[in-house]
Amino acid sequence: MSFPLLGSPKIQFFDSSGSPLTSGTLAVLDPADDTNKASYPTADDADAATNANVNPVVLDSRGEPPNGLFGIDGEDYKIIIKDSDAATVDDGCHTNVSGVTYQNTADRHRLHRRLQRLGIAGRINKDLFLVAFLFRLLLQ
């Protein structure tokens, strides 16, 4: 079974001035040795381990990945986000792709603050799996 690495629907990234992170990159790595690791555009592709995304993924004019970002259940991933000049914006995203849940409102507030700090936009419904997954991804 596969899960989104950074959420579905798409996640949007912004620079420090609040503009979309146009032409930024999102690298998916193995945290054990920082080598490139495959991500996939759909859950079906991840389940079959076929049709991997390019790595790093180049963000579009809206600061969004052009495709989905799915990983394989039970595998570890490291995400590095860079701007168009290859300066690192964030390299603190580590996750093990698996189903998780958040426990309380305080956890949701911590997630919201972390998403704001990373410049990730979007309205998140607390009942979606995405919130629980992002909480684990961003607060590990």
N, C-alpha and C. Protein backbone atom coordinates (compact mmCIF):
# COMPACT_ATOMS: atom_id res chain seq x y z
N MET A 1 0.85 -1.17 0.00
CA MET A 1 0.00 0.00 0.00
C MET A 1 0.89 1.24 0.00
N SER A 2 0.46 2.27 -0.66
CA SER A 2 1.25 3.50 -0.75
C SER A 2 0.51 4.65 -0.07
N PHE A 3 1.27 5.70 0.22
CA PHE A 3 0.72 6.89 0.86
C PHE A 3 1.36 8.13 0.26
N PRO A 4 0.65 9.27 0.30
CA PRO A 4 1.26 10.50 -0.20
C PRO A 4 2.42 10.94 0.68
N LEU A 5 3.53 11.36 0.08
CA LEU A 5 4.67 11.86 0.84
C LEU A 5 4.40 13.24 1.42
N LEU A 6 3.78 14.09 0.65
CA LEU A 6 3.52 15.46 1.11
C LEU A 6 2.08 15.87 0.95
N GLY A 7 1.21 14.94 0.75
CA GLY A 7 -0.20 15.29 0.74
C GLY A 7 -0.85 15.27 -0.62
N SER A 8 -2.13 15.13 -0.58
CA SER A 8 -2.95 15.14 -1.77
C SER A 8 -4.28 15.75 -1.35
N PRO A 9 -4.79 16.79 -1.91
CA PRO A 9 -4.34 17.40 -3.14
C PRO A 9 -2.97 18.05 -2.99
N LYS A 10 -2.53 18.69 -4.06
CA LYS A 10 -1.18 19.24 -4.11
C LYS A 10 -0.90 20.20 -2.97
N ILE A 11 0.37 20.23 -2.61
CA ILE A 11 0.86 21.17 -1.61
C ILE A 11 1.54 22.31 -2.36
N GLN A 12 1.40 23.52 -1.85
CA GLN A 12 2.01 24.68 -2.48
C GLN A 12 3.08 25.24 -1.54
N PHE A 13 4.23 25.62 -2.11
CA PHE A 13 5.34 26.17 -1.34
C PHE A 13 5.53 27.64 -1.70
N PHE A 14 5.97 28.43 -0.71
CA PHE A 14 6.18 29.86 -0.89
C PHE A 14 7.58 30.24 -0.45
N ASP A 15 8.10 31.34 -1.02
CA ASP A 15 9.38 31.86 -0.56
C ASP A 15 9.16 32.74 0.67
N SER A 16 10.24 33.32 1.18
CA SER A 16 10.14 34.10 2.41
C SER A 16 9.31 35.38 2.25
N SER A 17 9.11 35.83 1.01
CA SER A 17 8.29 37.03 0.79
C SER A 17 6.82 36.70 0.56
N GLY A 18 6.48 35.42 0.57
CA GLY A 18 5.09 35.01 0.38
C GLY A 18 4.72 34.71 -1.05
N SER A 19 5.68 34.80 -1.97
CA SER A 19 5.42 34.46 -3.38
C SER A 19 5.59 32.96 -3.58
N PRO A 20 4.89 32.39 -4.57
CA PRO A 20 5.06 30.96 -4.84
C PRO A 20 6.53 30.63 -5.12
N LEU A 21 6.97 29.48 -4.67
CA LEU A 21 8.36 29.03 -4.86
C LEU A 21 8.53 28.50 -6.28
N THR A 22 8.35 29.40 -7.26
CA THR A 22 8.42 29.07 -8.68
C THR A 22 9.79 28.49 -9.03
N SER A 23 9.80 27.37 -9.74
CA SER A 23 11.01 26.69 -10.18
C SER A 23 11.89 26.19 -9.04
N GLY A 24 11.33 26.14 -7.84
CA GLY A 24 12.04 25.50 -6.75
C GLY A 24 12.07 24.00 -6.99
N THR A 25 12.81 23.28 -6.17
CA THR A 25 12.88 21.83 -6.34
C THR A 25 12.57 21.12 -5.03
N LEU A 26 12.12 19.91 -5.17
CA LEU A 26 11.78 19.06 -4.05
C LEU A 26 12.49 17.73 -4.30
N ALA A 27 13.56 17.47 -3.56
CA ALA A 27 14.32 16.23 -3.72
C ALA A 27 13.82 15.19 -2.73
N VAL A 28 13.68 13.97 -3.19
CA VAL A 28 13.27 12.85 -2.35
C VAL A 28 14.49 11.94 -2.20
N LEU A 29 14.92 11.74 -0.95
CA LEU A 29 16.15 11.01 -0.68
C LEU A 29 15.93 9.88 0.32
N ASP A 30 16.89 8.96 0.34
CA ASP A 30 16.94 7.94 1.37
C ASP A 30 17.66 8.57 2.56
N PRO A 31 17.03 8.68 3.73
CA PRO A 31 17.67 9.36 4.86
C PRO A 31 18.91 8.65 5.38
N ALA A 32 19.09 7.38 5.05
CA ALA A 32 20.25 6.64 5.55
C ALA A 32 21.54 7.11 4.90
N ASP A 33 21.48 7.48 3.60
CA ASP A 33 22.70 7.86 2.90
C ASP A 33 22.54 9.04 1.95
N ASP A 34 21.40 9.70 1.99
CA ASP A 34 21.11 10.87 1.14
C ASP A 34 21.21 10.60 -0.36
N THR A 35 20.98 9.38 -0.78
CA THR A 35 20.90 9.08 -2.21
C THR A 35 19.47 9.29 -2.68
N ASN A 36 19.32 9.58 -3.98
CA ASN A 36 17.98 9.77 -4.53
C ASN A 36 17.12 8.54 -4.28
N LYS A 37 15.85 8.79 -4.01
CA LYS A 37 14.89 7.71 -3.79
C LYS A 37 13.64 8.01 -4.60
N ALA A 38 13.07 7.00 -5.18
CA ALA A 38 11.92 7.18 -6.07
C ALA A 38 10.67 7.61 -5.31
N SER A 39 9.96 8.55 -5.91
CA SER A 39 8.59 8.87 -5.52
C SER A 39 7.75 8.66 -6.77
N TYR A 40 6.45 8.59 -6.61
CA TYR A 40 5.59 8.19 -7.73
C TYR A 40 4.42 9.15 -7.87
N PRO A 41 3.93 9.34 -9.12
CA PRO A 41 2.84 10.30 -9.34
C PRO A 41 1.47 9.84 -8.84
N THR A 42 1.28 8.53 -8.70
CA THR A 42 -0.01 8.01 -8.23
C THR A 42 0.23 6.88 -7.24
N ALA A 43 -0.80 6.57 -6.47
CA ALA A 43 -0.73 5.45 -5.53
C ALA A 43 -0.52 4.13 -6.28
N ASP A 44 -1.18 3.98 -7.43
CA ASP A 44 -1.01 2.75 -8.21
C ASP A 44 0.43 2.58 -8.69
N ASP A 45 1.05 3.69 -9.13
CA ASP A 45 2.45 3.62 -9.55
C ASP A 45 3.35 3.23 -8.38
N ALA A 46 3.09 3.80 -7.20
CA ALA A 46 3.89 3.47 -6.02
C ALA A 46 3.72 2.01 -5.63
N ASP A 47 2.49 1.52 -5.68
CA ASP A 47 2.24 0.11 -5.34
C ASP A 47 2.98 -0.82 -6.29
N ALA A 48 3.06 -0.44 -7.57
CA ALA A 48 3.74 -1.27 -8.57
C ALA A 48 5.22 -0.91 -8.70
N ALA A 49 5.66 0.17 -8.03
CA ALA A 49 7.03 0.67 -8.13
C ALA A 49 7.42 0.92 -9.59
N THR A 50 6.52 1.57 -10.33
CA THR A 50 6.77 1.90 -11.74
C THR A 50 6.46 3.38 -11.98
N ASN A 51 7.02 3.92 -13.07
CA ASN A 51 6.72 5.28 -13.51
C ASN A 51 7.10 6.32 -12.45
N ALA A 52 8.32 6.23 -11.94
CA ALA A 52 8.79 7.15 -10.90
C ALA A 52 8.84 8.59 -11.40
N ASN A 53 8.64 9.53 -10.47
CA ASN A 53 8.81 10.95 -10.78
C ASN A 53 10.28 11.25 -11.04
N VAL A 54 10.55 12.35 -11.75
CA VAL A 54 11.93 12.82 -11.86
C VAL A 54 12.36 13.26 -10.46
N ASN A 55 13.66 13.23 -10.21
CA ASN A 55 14.16 13.59 -8.89
C ASN A 55 15.42 14.44 -9.07
N PRO A 56 15.40 15.70 -8.69
CA PRO A 56 14.35 16.36 -7.91
C PRO A 56 13.16 16.78 -8.78
N VAL A 57 12.03 16.93 -8.12
CA VAL A 57 10.81 17.40 -8.77
C VAL A 57 10.91 18.93 -8.85
N VAL A 58 10.66 19.49 -10.03
CA VAL A 58 10.69 20.94 -10.21
C VAL A 58 9.28 21.49 -9.98
N LEU A 59 9.17 22.48 -9.09
CA LEU A 59 7.88 23.08 -8.78
C LEU A 59 7.44 24.00 -9.92
N ASP A 60 6.15 24.07 -10.16
CA ASP A 60 5.61 24.89 -11.25
C ASP A 60 5.50 26.36 -10.84
N SER A 61 4.88 27.17 -11.69
CA SER A 61 4.77 28.61 -11.43
C SER A 61 3.94 28.93 -10.19
N ARG A 62 3.15 27.98 -9.73
CA ARG A 62 2.36 28.16 -8.51
C ARG A 62 3.09 27.63 -7.27
N GLY A 63 4.33 27.12 -7.46
CA GLY A 63 5.07 26.55 -6.35
C GLY A 63 4.57 25.18 -5.95
N GLU A 64 3.96 24.47 -6.90
CA GLU A 64 3.40 23.14 -6.64
C GLU A 64 4.13 22.08 -7.47
N PRO A 65 4.24 20.86 -6.94
CA PRO A 65 4.76 19.77 -7.77
C PRO A 65 3.78 19.49 -8.91
N PRO A 66 4.29 19.17 -10.10
CA PRO A 66 3.38 18.93 -11.23
C PRO A 66 2.58 17.63 -11.12
N ASN A 67 3.07 16.69 -10.33
CA ASN A 67 2.41 15.39 -10.16
C ASN A 67 2.24 15.10 -8.68
N GLY A 68 1.59 13.97 -8.41
CA GLY A 68 1.50 13.50 -7.03
C GLY A 68 2.87 13.07 -6.54
N LEU A 69 3.00 12.92 -5.23
CA LEU A 69 4.25 12.45 -4.61
C LEU A 69 3.89 11.33 -3.65
N PHE A 70 3.92 10.12 -4.15
CA PHE A 70 3.57 8.95 -3.35
C PHE A 70 4.81 8.14 -3.05
N GLY A 71 4.82 7.52 -1.88
CA GLY A 71 5.90 6.63 -1.48
C GLY A 71 5.35 5.27 -1.12
N ILE A 72 6.26 4.34 -0.92
CA ILE A 72 5.91 2.96 -0.61
C ILE A 72 5.79 2.80 0.90
N ASP A 73 4.73 2.16 1.34
CA ASP A 73 4.45 1.95 2.76
C ASP A 73 5.64 1.29 3.46
N GLY A 74 5.98 1.82 4.63
CA GLY A 74 7.02 1.24 5.46
C GLY A 74 8.43 1.67 5.10
N GLU A 75 8.60 2.50 4.08
CA GLU A 75 9.93 2.95 3.69
C GLU A 75 10.20 4.35 4.24
N ASP A 76 11.47 4.63 4.50
CA ASP A 76 11.89 5.92 5.02
C ASP A 76 12.22 6.88 3.88
N TYR A 77 11.87 8.15 4.06
CA TYR A 77 12.11 9.18 3.06
C TYR A 77 12.62 10.45 3.73
N LYS A 78 13.43 11.20 3.00
CA LYS A 78 13.88 12.53 3.42
C LYS A 78 13.53 13.48 2.28
N ILE A 79 12.95 14.62 2.60
CA ILE A 79 12.54 15.61 1.61
C ILE A 79 13.39 16.87 1.80
N ILE A 80 14.00 17.36 0.71
CA ILE A 80 14.75 18.61 0.75
C ILE A 80 14.13 19.57 -0.26
N ILE A 81 13.78 20.76 0.20
CA ILE A 81 13.16 21.77 -0.65
C ILE A 81 14.17 22.88 -0.88
N LYS A 82 14.38 23.24 -2.16
CA LYS A 82 15.32 24.30 -2.52
C LYS A 82 14.62 25.33 -3.40
N ASP A 83 15.16 26.55 -3.38
CA ASP A 83 14.61 27.59 -4.25
C ASP A 83 15.23 27.46 -5.64
N SER A 84 14.87 28.37 -6.55
CA SER A 84 15.34 28.28 -7.93
C SER A 84 16.84 28.52 -8.06
N ASP A 85 17.47 29.09 -7.04
CA ASP A 85 18.92 29.29 -7.03
C ASP A 85 19.65 28.15 -6.32
N ALA A 86 18.94 27.09 -6.01
CA ALA A 86 19.47 25.89 -5.35
C ALA A 86 19.85 26.12 -3.89
N ALA A 87 19.33 27.18 -3.29
CA ALA A 87 19.54 27.41 -1.86
C ALA A 87 18.50 26.60 -1.09
N THR A 88 18.93 25.89 -0.06
CA THR A 88 18.03 25.05 0.71
C THR A 88 17.03 25.90 1.49
N VAL A 89 15.76 25.58 1.30
CA VAL A 89 14.66 26.24 2.02
C VAL A 89 14.32 25.43 3.26
N ASP A 90 14.28 24.10 3.12
CA ASP A 90 13.99 23.22 4.25
C ASP A 90 14.56 21.84 3.97
N ASP A 91 15.26 21.29 4.95
CA ASP A 91 15.79 19.93 4.80
C ASP A 91 15.44 19.08 6.01
N GLY A 92 14.40 19.50 6.74
CA GLY A 92 14.05 18.82 7.97
C GLY A 92 12.87 17.89 7.87
N CYS A 93 12.47 17.51 6.66
CA CYS A 93 11.32 16.63 6.50
C CYS A 93 11.78 15.19 6.37
N HIS A 94 11.55 14.39 7.38
CA HIS A 94 11.87 12.96 7.36
C HIS A 94 10.60 12.21 7.69
N THR A 95 10.37 11.09 7.01
CA THR A 95 9.18 10.33 7.32
C THR A 95 9.36 8.85 7.01
N ASN A 96 8.55 8.06 7.67
CA ASN A 96 8.37 6.66 7.33
C ASN A 96 6.94 6.58 6.86
N VAL A 97 6.74 6.20 5.62
CA VAL A 97 5.41 6.23 5.02
C VAL A 97 4.55 5.13 5.62
N SER A 98 3.58 5.55 6.42
CA SER A 98 2.62 4.61 6.99
C SER A 98 1.46 5.40 7.56
N GLY A 99 0.38 4.74 7.82
CA GLY A 99 -0.78 5.41 8.38
C GLY A 99 -0.51 5.85 9.80
N VAL A 100 -0.89 7.07 10.13
CA VAL A 100 -0.71 7.60 11.48
C VAL A 100 -1.96 8.38 11.86
N THR A 101 -2.08 8.69 13.12
CA THR A 101 -3.19 9.53 13.57
C THR A 101 -2.66 10.57 14.53
N TYR A 102 -3.31 11.72 14.59
CA TYR A 102 -2.97 12.70 15.61
C TYR A 102 -3.94 12.49 16.76
N GLN A 103 -3.53 12.95 17.94
CA GLN A 103 -4.30 12.64 19.14
C GLN A 103 -5.15 13.78 19.66
N ASN A 104 -4.78 15.02 19.40
CA ASN A 104 -5.51 16.11 20.05
C ASN A 104 -5.36 17.42 19.30
N THR A 105 -6.05 18.43 19.79
CA THR A 105 -6.01 19.75 19.16
C THR A 105 -4.62 20.36 19.21
N ALA A 106 -3.89 20.14 20.29
CA ALA A 106 -2.54 20.69 20.39
C ALA A 106 -1.66 20.17 19.26
N ASP A 107 -1.80 18.89 18.91
CA ASP A 107 -1.04 18.33 17.80
C ASP A 107 -1.39 19.02 16.50
N ARG A 108 -2.68 19.28 16.27
CA ARG A 108 -3.10 19.96 15.04
C ARG A 108 -2.51 21.37 14.99
N HIS A 109 -2.48 22.06 16.14
CA HIS A 109 -1.93 23.41 16.16
C HIS A 109 -0.43 23.40 15.88
N ARG A 110 0.28 22.42 16.42
CA ARG A 110 1.71 22.30 16.12
C ARG A 110 1.92 22.06 14.64
N LEU A 111 1.10 21.21 14.04
CA LEU A 111 1.18 20.96 12.60
C LEU A 111 0.94 22.25 11.83
N HIS A 112 -0.10 22.98 12.19
CA HIS A 112 -0.43 24.22 11.48
C HIS A 112 0.73 25.21 11.54
N ARG A 113 1.34 25.37 12.72
CA ARG A 113 2.48 26.28 12.85
C ARG A 113 3.65 25.82 11.99
N ARG A 114 3.91 24.52 11.95
CA ARG A 114 5.01 23.99 11.13
C ARG A 114 4.73 24.22 9.65
N LEU A 115 3.50 23.99 9.21
CA LEU A 115 3.14 24.23 7.81
C LEU A 115 3.31 25.70 7.46
N GLN A 116 2.92 26.60 8.35
CA GLN A 116 3.10 28.03 8.09
C GLN A 116 4.58 28.37 7.98
N ARG A 117 5.40 27.82 8.86
CA ARG A 117 6.84 28.09 8.84
C ARG A 117 7.47 27.61 7.54
N LEU A 118 6.99 26.49 7.01
CA LEU A 118 7.50 25.97 5.75
C LEU A 118 6.92 26.69 4.54
N GLY A 119 5.89 27.49 4.74
CA GLY A 119 5.27 28.18 3.62
C GLY A 119 4.35 27.30 2.82
N ILE A 120 3.80 26.28 3.45
CA ILE A 120 2.89 25.38 2.76
C ILE A 120 1.47 25.91 2.91
N ALA A 121 0.84 26.14 1.78
CA ALA A 121 -0.50 26.71 1.80
C ALA A 121 -1.54 25.62 1.74
N GLY A 122 -2.74 26.02 1.95
CA GLY A 122 -3.84 25.10 1.75
C GLY A 122 -4.66 24.92 3.00
N ARG A 123 -5.93 24.73 2.82
CA ARG A 123 -6.83 24.47 3.92
C ARG A 123 -6.85 22.97 4.16
N ILE A 124 -6.66 22.58 5.40
CA ILE A 124 -6.57 21.16 5.72
C ILE A 124 -7.73 20.78 6.62
N ASN A 125 -8.45 19.78 6.22
CA ASN A 125 -9.57 19.27 7.00
C ASN A 125 -9.02 18.31 8.06
N LYS A 126 -9.32 18.58 9.33
CA LYS A 126 -8.75 17.77 10.41
C LYS A 126 -9.14 16.30 10.33
N ASP A 127 -10.19 15.98 9.60
CA ASP A 127 -10.62 14.59 9.53
C ASP A 127 -9.93 13.80 8.43
N LEU A 128 -9.13 14.45 7.63
CA LEU A 128 -8.46 13.75 6.55
C LEU A 128 -7.22 13.04 7.05
N PHE A 129 -6.92 11.94 6.42
CA PHE A 129 -5.68 11.22 6.69
C PHE A 129 -4.48 12.12 6.48
N LEU A 130 -4.59 13.02 5.51
CA LEU A 130 -3.49 13.92 5.17
C LEU A 130 -2.96 14.66 6.39
N VAL A 131 -3.82 15.13 7.25
CA VAL A 131 -3.38 15.87 8.42
C VAL A 131 -2.51 14.99 9.31
N ALA A 132 -2.97 13.80 9.54
CA ALA A 132 -2.20 12.89 10.39
C ALA A 132 -0.87 12.56 9.75
N PHE A 133 -0.88 12.34 8.46
CA PHE A 133 0.36 12.00 7.77
C PHE A 133 1.33 13.17 7.80
N LEU A 134 0.85 14.36 7.49
CA LEU A 134 1.72 15.54 7.50
C LEU A 134 2.25 15.82 8.89
N PHE A 135 1.42 15.60 9.90
CA PHE A 135 1.88 15.81 11.27
C PHE A 135 3.11 14.95 11.54
N ARG A 136 3.03 13.70 11.18
CA ARG A 136 4.16 12.82 11.42
C ARG A 136 5.35 13.21 10.56
N LEU A 137 5.11 13.54 9.32
CA LEU A 137 6.17 13.91 8.39
C LEU A 137 6.92 15.14 8.87
N LEU A 138 6.21 16.16 9.28
CA LEU A 138 6.84 17.44 9.57
C LEU A 138 7.32 17.59 11.00
N LEU A 139 6.88 16.77 11.90
CA LEU A 139 7.27 16.94 13.30
C LEU A 139 8.20 15.85 13.81
N GLN A 140 8.65 14.98 12.93
CA GLN A 140 9.58 13.94 13.37
C GLN A 140 10.94 14.54 13.65
